[in-house]
Protein backbone atom coordinates (compact mmCIF):
# COMPACT_ATOMS: atom_id res chain seq x y z
CA MET A 1 -9.14 7.76 22.33
CA SER A 2 -6.41 6.58 24.24
CA LYS A 3 -2.85 6.76 23.60
CA HIS A 4 -2.74 3.10 22.59
CA GLU A 5 -5.65 3.26 19.98
CA SER A 6 -4.12 6.25 18.12
CA SER A 7 -0.63 4.48 17.77
CA ARG A 8 -2.39 1.67 16.21
CA ARG A 9 -3.85 3.63 13.65
CA ARG A 10 -0.50 5.21 12.06
CA THR A 11 1.67 3.44 9.47
CA PRO A 12 4.91 2.37 11.32
CA ILE A 13 7.92 4.58 10.47
CA TRP A 14 9.67 1.35 8.87
CA ILE A 15 6.99 0.79 6.66
CA ALA A 16 6.76 4.46 4.77
CA ILE A 17 10.87 4.24 4.84
CA GLY A 18 10.55 1.02 2.97
CA ALA A 19 7.65 2.08 0.76
CA ILE A 20 10.05 5.60 -0.40
CA PHE A 21 13.07 3.30 -0.44
CA LEU A 22 11.28 0.83 -3.11
CA ILE A 23 9.75 3.82 -5.02
CA ILE A 24 13.39 5.14 -5.24
CA LEU A 25 14.63 2.20 -6.50
CA LEU A 26 11.96 1.71 -9.20
CA ILE A 27 12.85 5.29 -10.46
CA ILE A 28 16.34 4.57 -10.61
CA TRP A 29 15.85 1.31 -12.49
CA LEU A 30 13.39 2.79 -15.00
CA THR A 31 15.40 5.60 -15.73
CA PHE A 32 18.39 3.08 -15.99
CA ALA A 33 16.46 1.08 -18.97
CA ASP A 34 15.53 4.36 -20.41
CA LEU A 35 18.80 5.62 -20.66
CA THR A 36 19.95 2.24 -22.38
CA GLY A 37 17.11 1.67 -24.75
CA ASN A 38 15.92 -1.15 -22.97
CA THR A 39 12.14 -0.24 -22.30
CA ASP A 40 10.16 -2.68 -24.18
CA VAL A 41 9.91 -6.07 -21.60
CA ALA A 42 7.48 -7.51 -23.92
CA ALA A 43 9.58 -7.49 -27.01
CA PHE A 44 12.58 -9.00 -24.94
CA LEU A 45 10.74 -11.74 -23.39
CA THR A 46 9.14 -12.87 -26.95
CA PRO A 47 11.84 -15.52 -27.98
CA TYR A 48 11.99 -17.32 -24.43
CA ILE A 49 8.05 -17.40 -24.55
CA VAL A 50 7.89 -18.89 -28.00
CA GLN A 51 11.39 -21.53 -27.61
CA SER A 52 9.04 -22.92 -24.61
CA PRO A 53 5.84 -22.44 -24.73
CA VAL A 54 3.30 -22.48 -21.33
CA ILE A 55 0.42 -24.84 -22.15
């Protein structure tokens, strides 16, 4: 296996960093939502869906 083929199989470092960053943002978002008590997204969106239903 040549050097070019082995480097093609590795995940680029910027993709790994981006994935880790997104996971951290998700954890922060869910923690903030849990601390504020706003975790029921379905109940939050229901009044808007009832006012303008999608046919």
